[in-house]
Amino acid sequence: MSSSQKTHDHKKIQKWAEERGGVPAKIKNTGKDEDDGVLRIHFPKHSDADDRFEEIPWVDFFQNFDENKLDLLYQDKKADGETSTFHKFVNRED
């Protein structure tokens, strides 16, 4: 059985993503004016050539992440023990 964890710790999030080949990204054309748009952690090796994603610097990613009071819900391992890239952003509970 796989279990999920939740965090808003920047170092943990960046480490988790980079260990899996993930990069901070936004979905193009989803933001307004200066807004970064919809945040994602994109795993280029796990998807076809997809130009919907625009890689952004971690500092910009985390600024938007914190401004929107988000947590990352993620899994380390799948039920079969393989490394997981499952994640989603959820509202932070204060």
Protein backbone atom coordinates (compact mmCIF):
# COMPACT_ATOMS: atom_id res chain seq x y z
CA MET A 1 0.00 0.00 0.00
CA SER A 2 1.30 3.47 -0.83
CA SER A 3 0.89 6.44 1.45
CA SER A 4 0.87 10.16 0.82
CA GLN A 5 2.60 12.93 2.69
CA LYS A 6 1.94 16.64 2.75
CA THR A 7 4.42 19.51 3.08
CA HIS A 8 5.10 23.12 2.24
CA ASP A 9 8.82 22.83 3.08
CA HIS A 10 10.65 24.24 0.06
CA LYS A 11 13.76 22.08 0.48
CA LYS A 12 11.75 18.86 0.75
CA ILE A 13 9.67 19.74 -2.31
CA GLN A 14 12.66 20.66 -4.45
CA LYS A 15 14.58 17.54 -3.36
CA TRP A 16 11.59 15.25 -4.02
CA ALA A 17 11.04 16.74 -7.49
CA GLU A 18 14.69 16.78 -8.57
CA GLU A 19 15.26 13.17 -7.43
CA ARG A 20 12.57 12.21 -9.96
CA GLY A 21 13.71 14.51 -12.78
CA GLY A 22 11.01 17.08 -12.03
CA VAL A 23 11.27 20.78 -12.77
CA PRO A 24 9.15 23.72 -11.58
CA ALA A 25 6.76 24.84 -14.27
CA LYS A 26 3.59 26.68 -15.09
CA ILE A 27 0.98 25.86 -17.66
CA LYS A 28 1.23 28.45 -20.41
CA ASN A 29 -1.58 30.94 -20.92
CA THR A 30 -3.26 30.24 -17.58
CA GLY A 31 -2.04 33.32 -15.70
CA LYS A 32 -3.21 36.90 -15.76
CA ASP A 33 -0.76 39.76 -16.26
CA GLU A 34 2.15 39.14 -13.84
CA ASP A 35 0.60 35.97 -12.41
CA ASP A 36 2.65 32.84 -13.07
CA GLY A 37 -0.42 30.82 -13.93
CA VAL A 38 -1.19 27.26 -12.87
CA LEU A 39 1.79 25.71 -11.11
CA ARG A 40 3.05 22.22 -11.84
CA ILE A 41 6.01 20.04 -11.20
CA HIS A 42 6.73 18.75 -14.68
CA PHE A 43 8.51 15.46 -15.35
CA PRO A 44 9.80 15.82 -18.92
CA LYS A 45 11.11 12.23 -19.08
CA HIS A 46 7.64 10.90 -18.23
CA SER A 47 5.72 12.79 -20.90
CA ASP A 48 5.74 13.31 -24.62
CA ALA A 49 7.04 16.58 -26.00
CA ASP A 50 4.50 18.88 -24.43
CA ASP A 51 4.78 22.59 -25.02
CA ARG A 52 1.99 23.44 -22.56
CA PHE A 53 4.58 23.60 -19.79
CA GLU A 54 7.00 26.46 -19.29
CA GLU A 55 9.86 25.82 -16.89
CA ILE A 56 10.26 28.57 -14.27
CA PRO A 57 12.91 29.20 -11.60
CA TRP A 58 12.36 27.59 -8.20
CA VAL A 59 12.30 31.03 -6.57
CA ASP A 60 9.33 32.07 -8.75
CA PHE A 61 7.62 28.73 -8.19
CA PHE A 62 7.88 29.01 -4.41
CA GLN A 63 6.81 32.65 -4.38
CA ASN A 64 3.58 31.69 -6.17
CA PHE A 65 3.26 28.53 -4.03
CA ASP A 66 3.46 30.55 -0.80
CA GLU A 67 1.28 33.43 -2.01
CA ASN A 68 -1.46 30.90 -2.75
CA LYS A 69 -0.91 29.10 0.59
CA LEU A 70 -0.42 25.70 -0.98
CA ASP A 71 0.88 22.38 0.29
CA LEU A 72 2.27 19.58 -1.82
CA LEU A 73 0.57 16.22 -1.38
CA TYR A 74 2.97 13.57 -2.70
CA GLN A 75 3.99 9.92 -2.64
CA ASP A 76 7.52 8.54 -2.33
CA LYS A 77 6.66 5.03 -3.55
CA LYS A 78 3.87 3.38 -5.51
CA ALA A 79 2.05 0.38 -4.06
CA ASP A 80 4.43 -1.92 -5.98
CA GLY A 81 7.48 -0.19 -4.43
CA GLU A 82 8.50 1.78 -7.52
CA THR A 83 9.41 5.45 -7.17
CA SER A 84 6.31 7.60 -7.51
CA THR A 85 5.84 10.96 -9.20
CA PHE A 86 2.27 11.32 -7.91
CA HIS A 87 1.63 14.75 -6.49
CA LYS A 88 -0.97 17.46 -6.35
CA PHE A 89 -1.28 20.89 -4.82
CA VAL A 90 -3.79 21.37 -2.03
CA ASN A 91 -4.81 24.34 0.10
CA ARG A 92 -2.63 24.72 3.17
CA GLU A 93 -4.38 24.17 6.46
CA ASP A 94 -3.19 26.76 8.98
